[in-house]
Amino acid sequence: VPGQRAGIPGQKPKGKGKKNMYKGMHPLRKMYYILWNFTGKILWFSSCLVFMYFAPVNLLLFKDQEMVLNKMAMQGSIPGMGPPGM
């Protein structure tokens, strides 16, 4: 019949319910994408910061602390610790 939609008689028109569902999903998908990219960039930046700044600083501080503790142990300032070999 001219002017009618093709399909099975009595069938509901397609797409009206799905369009409303996708209208609600699209902003959620955009928000997920924004958060995923932001999280990835923050993790990348923080890992670079850790490997390039905090790791070498911690190694230097550990070496300084080790030298101070060895000096204190040699002088006998730490109770219960004496020079090595005693």
N, C-alpha and C. Protein backbone atom coordinates (compact mmCIF):
# COMPACT_ATOMS: atom_id res chain seq x y z
N VAL A 1 0.86 -1.17 0.00
CA VAL A 1 0.00 0.00 0.00
C VAL A 1 0.90 1.23 0.00
N PRO A 2 0.68 2.15 -0.90
CA PRO A 2 1.51 3.35 -0.96
C PRO A 2 1.33 4.22 0.28
N GLY A 3 2.43 4.79 0.76
CA GLY A 3 2.38 5.68 1.92
C GLY A 3 2.52 4.98 3.26
N GLN A 4 2.49 3.63 3.29
CA GLN A 4 2.68 2.90 4.54
C GLN A 4 4.10 2.35 4.60
N ARG A 5 4.55 2.13 5.80
CA ARG A 5 5.88 1.58 5.99
C ARG A 5 5.86 0.09 5.66
N ALA A 6 6.92 -0.36 5.06
CA ALA A 6 7.03 -1.79 4.74
C ALA A 6 7.36 -2.54 6.02
N GLY A 7 6.86 -3.73 6.14
CA GLY A 7 7.15 -4.54 7.30
C GLY A 7 5.98 -5.44 7.62
N ILE A 8 6.06 -6.13 8.72
CA ILE A 8 5.01 -7.04 9.15
C ILE A 8 3.87 -6.21 9.72
N PRO A 9 2.63 -6.50 9.33
CA PRO A 9 1.51 -5.74 9.89
C PRO A 9 1.41 -5.93 11.40
N GLY A 10 1.17 -4.85 12.13
CA GLY A 10 1.05 -4.91 13.59
C GLY A 10 2.39 -4.78 14.31
N GLN A 11 3.48 -4.69 13.56
CA GLN A 11 4.80 -4.57 14.18
C GLN A 11 5.03 -3.12 14.61
N LYS A 12 5.65 -2.95 15.77
CA LYS A 12 5.95 -1.60 16.25
C LYS A 12 7.05 -0.99 15.39
N PRO A 13 6.97 0.29 15.18
CA PRO A 13 8.05 0.93 14.41
C PRO A 13 9.39 0.80 15.14
N LYS A 14 10.42 0.54 14.37
CA LYS A 14 11.75 0.33 14.96
C LYS A 14 12.39 1.66 15.33
N GLY A 15 13.22 1.60 16.33
CA GLY A 15 14.10 2.71 16.62
C GLY A 15 13.62 3.72 17.63
N LYS A 16 12.36 3.82 17.93
CA LYS A 16 11.93 4.88 18.84
C LYS A 16 12.45 4.63 20.25
N GLY A 17 12.33 3.42 20.75
CA GLY A 17 12.82 3.10 22.08
C GLY A 17 14.33 3.09 22.14
N LYS A 18 14.96 2.58 21.08
CA LYS A 18 16.42 2.49 21.06
C LYS A 18 17.05 3.87 20.98
N LYS A 19 16.43 4.77 20.24
CA LYS A 19 17.01 6.11 20.14
C LYS A 19 17.04 6.79 21.51
N ASN A 20 15.96 6.61 22.27
CA ASN A 20 15.94 7.20 23.60
C ASN A 20 17.00 6.57 24.49
N MET A 21 17.23 5.26 24.35
CA MET A 21 18.25 4.59 25.15
C MET A 21 19.64 5.12 24.78
N TYR A 22 19.88 5.26 23.47
CA TYR A 22 21.19 5.73 23.04
C TYR A 22 21.43 7.19 23.39
N LYS A 23 20.36 7.97 23.48
CA LYS A 23 20.52 9.36 23.90
C LYS A 23 21.06 9.43 25.32
N GLY A 24 20.65 8.50 26.17
CA GLY A 24 21.17 8.46 27.53
C GLY A 24 22.55 7.85 27.62
N MET A 25 22.88 6.96 26.70
CA MET A 25 24.17 6.28 26.75
C MET A 25 25.30 7.13 26.17
N HIS A 26 25.00 7.98 25.22
CA HIS A 26 26.05 8.76 24.57
C HIS A 26 26.80 9.67 25.55
N PRO A 27 26.10 10.44 26.41
CA PRO A 27 26.86 11.27 27.37
C PRO A 27 27.66 10.42 28.36
N LEU A 28 27.12 9.26 28.73
CA LEU A 28 27.87 8.38 29.64
C LEU A 28 29.14 7.86 28.96
N ARG A 29 29.01 7.53 27.68
CA ARG A 29 30.17 7.05 26.94
C ARG A 29 31.21 8.15 26.80
N LYS A 30 30.76 9.37 26.53
CA LYS A 30 31.70 10.49 26.43
C LYS A 30 32.40 10.73 27.76
N MET A 31 31.64 10.65 28.87
CA MET A 31 32.24 10.86 30.19
C MET A 31 33.25 9.76 30.51
N TYR A 32 32.91 8.51 30.16
CA TYR A 32 33.84 7.39 30.36
C TYR A 32 35.13 7.63 29.57
N TYR A 33 35.00 8.07 28.32
CA TYR A 33 36.16 8.33 27.48
C TYR A 33 37.03 9.44 28.06
N ILE A 34 36.39 10.51 28.54
CA ILE A 34 37.14 11.63 29.13
C ILE A 34 37.87 11.18 30.39
N LEU A 35 37.17 10.45 31.25
CA LEU A 35 37.80 9.98 32.49
C LEU A 35 38.92 8.98 32.20
N TRP A 36 38.71 8.10 31.22
CA TRP A 36 39.73 7.11 30.88
C TRP A 36 41.00 7.81 30.37
N ASN A 37 40.85 8.79 29.50
CA ASN A 37 42.01 9.52 28.99
C ASN A 37 42.70 10.31 30.10
N PHE A 38 41.92 10.96 30.95
CA PHE A 38 42.50 11.74 32.04
C PHE A 38 43.28 10.83 32.99
N THR A 39 42.69 9.69 33.33
CA THR A 39 43.37 8.75 34.23
C THR A 39 44.66 8.23 33.61
N GLY A 40 44.61 7.92 32.33
CA GLY A 40 45.82 7.43 31.65
C GLY A 40 46.92 8.48 31.64
N LYS A 41 46.55 9.73 31.40
CA LYS A 41 47.56 10.79 31.38
C LYS A 41 48.14 11.04 32.76
N ILE A 42 47.29 10.99 33.79
CA ILE A 42 47.79 11.18 35.16
C ILE A 42 48.74 10.05 35.54
N LEU A 43 48.38 8.81 35.20
CA LEU A 43 49.26 7.68 35.52
C LEU A 43 50.58 7.77 34.77
N TRP A 44 50.54 8.19 33.51
CA TRP A 44 51.77 8.32 32.73
C TRP A 44 52.67 9.40 33.33
N PHE A 45 52.08 10.56 33.65
CA PHE A 45 52.86 11.66 34.22
C PHE A 45 53.45 11.27 35.56
N SER A 46 52.66 10.61 36.41
CA SER A 46 53.16 10.24 37.74
C SER A 46 54.26 9.19 37.64
N SER A 47 54.15 8.24 36.71
CA SER A 47 55.22 7.24 36.57
C SER A 47 56.51 7.89 36.09
N CYS A 48 56.39 8.85 35.16
CA CYS A 48 57.59 9.56 34.71
C CYS A 48 58.21 10.35 35.86
N LEU A 49 57.37 10.97 36.66
CA LEU A 49 57.86 11.75 37.80
C LEU A 49 58.58 10.84 38.80
N VAL A 50 58.02 9.68 39.06
CA VAL A 50 58.63 8.75 40.02
C VAL A 50 59.99 8.28 39.51
N PHE A 51 60.05 7.87 38.25
CA PHE A 51 61.31 7.31 37.74
C PHE A 51 62.38 8.36 37.51
N MET A 52 61.98 9.59 37.21
CA MET A 52 62.98 10.60 36.89
C MET A 52 63.37 11.47 38.08
N TYR A 53 62.51 11.54 39.10
CA TYR A 53 62.83 12.42 40.22
C TYR A 53 62.89 11.67 41.55
N PHE A 54 61.82 11.00 41.92
CA PHE A 54 61.76 10.41 43.26
C PHE A 54 62.71 9.23 43.44
N ALA A 55 62.89 8.40 42.42
CA ALA A 55 63.78 7.25 42.57
C ALA A 55 65.24 7.69 42.79
N PRO A 56 65.80 8.59 41.98
CA PRO A 56 67.18 9.02 42.25
C PRO A 56 67.34 9.75 43.59
N VAL A 57 66.35 10.56 43.95
CA VAL A 57 66.42 11.28 45.23
C VAL A 57 66.41 10.29 46.38
N ASN A 58 65.56 9.28 46.30
CA ASN A 58 65.52 8.27 47.36
C ASN A 58 66.82 7.50 47.45
N LEU A 59 67.44 7.20 46.30
CA LEU A 59 68.73 6.51 46.35
C LEU A 59 69.79 7.37 47.02
N LEU A 60 69.82 8.65 46.71
CA LEU A 60 70.80 9.54 47.34
C LEU A 60 70.57 9.65 48.84
N LEU A 61 69.31 9.81 49.24
CA LEU A 61 69.01 9.90 50.67
C LEU A 61 69.35 8.60 51.39
N PHE A 62 69.12 7.47 50.75
CA PHE A 62 69.44 6.19 51.37
C PHE A 62 70.95 6.06 51.56
N LYS A 63 71.72 6.49 50.56
CA LYS A 63 73.19 6.41 50.69
C LYS A 63 73.68 7.33 51.81
N ASP A 64 73.14 8.55 51.90
CA ASP A 64 73.54 9.45 52.98
C ASP A 64 73.18 8.87 54.34
N GLN A 65 72.01 8.32 54.45
CA GLN A 65 71.59 7.74 55.72
C GLN A 65 72.47 6.55 56.09
N GLU A 66 72.85 5.76 55.09
CA GLU A 66 73.72 4.62 55.34
C GLU A 66 75.10 5.08 55.83
N MET A 67 75.62 6.16 55.24
CA MET A 67 76.92 6.68 55.68
C MET A 67 76.85 7.18 57.12
N VAL A 68 75.78 7.89 57.48
CA VAL A 68 75.63 8.40 58.85
C VAL A 68 75.52 7.26 59.83
N LEU A 69 74.75 6.24 59.51
CA LEU A 69 74.62 5.10 60.42
C LEU A 69 75.93 4.35 60.58
N ASN A 70 76.69 4.23 59.51
CA ASN A 70 78.01 3.57 59.62
C ASN A 70 78.95 4.38 60.51
N LYS A 71 78.94 5.72 60.37
CA LYS A 71 79.78 6.55 61.24
C LYS A 71 79.38 6.40 62.70
N MET A 72 78.06 6.41 62.95
CA MET A 72 77.59 6.27 64.33
C MET A 72 77.95 4.91 64.90
N ALA A 73 77.90 3.88 64.08
CA ALA A 73 78.25 2.54 64.55
C ALA A 73 79.74 2.46 64.86
N MET A 74 80.56 3.12 64.05
CA MET A 74 82.01 3.08 64.28
C MET A 74 82.39 3.84 65.55
N GLN A 75 81.65 4.92 65.85
CA GLN A 75 81.96 5.71 67.04
C GLN A 75 81.34 5.11 68.30
N GLY A 76 80.43 4.16 68.13
CA GLY A 76 79.77 3.56 69.28
C GLY A 76 78.61 4.37 69.81
N SER A 77 78.05 5.24 68.99
CA SER A 77 76.93 6.07 69.43
C SER A 77 75.62 5.31 69.49
N ILE A 78 75.56 4.20 68.78
CA ILE A 78 74.32 3.43 68.77
C ILE A 78 74.46 2.31 69.81
N PRO A 79 73.58 2.27 70.81
CA PRO A 79 73.70 1.23 71.84
C PRO A 79 73.49 -0.16 71.22
N GLY A 80 74.33 -1.07 71.61
CA GLY A 80 74.22 -2.43 71.11
C GLY A 80 74.97 -2.67 69.82
N MET A 81 75.55 -1.61 69.26
CA MET A 81 76.31 -1.78 68.02
C MET A 81 77.73 -1.28 68.26
N GLY A 82 78.66 -2.02 67.81
CA GLY A 82 80.04 -1.59 67.93
C GLY A 82 80.67 -1.64 66.56
N PRO A 83 81.97 -1.43 66.51
CA PRO A 83 82.67 -1.53 65.23
C PRO A 83 82.53 -2.96 64.68
N PRO A 84 82.56 -3.10 63.39
CA PRO A 84 82.45 -4.44 62.82
C PRO A 84 83.58 -5.33 63.30
N GLY A 85 83.28 -6.58 63.57
CA GLY A 85 84.29 -7.53 64.02
C GLY A 85 84.30 -7.69 65.53
N MET A 86 83.50 -6.97 66.28
CA MET A 86 83.51 -7.11 67.74
C MET A 86 82.33 -7.93 68.18
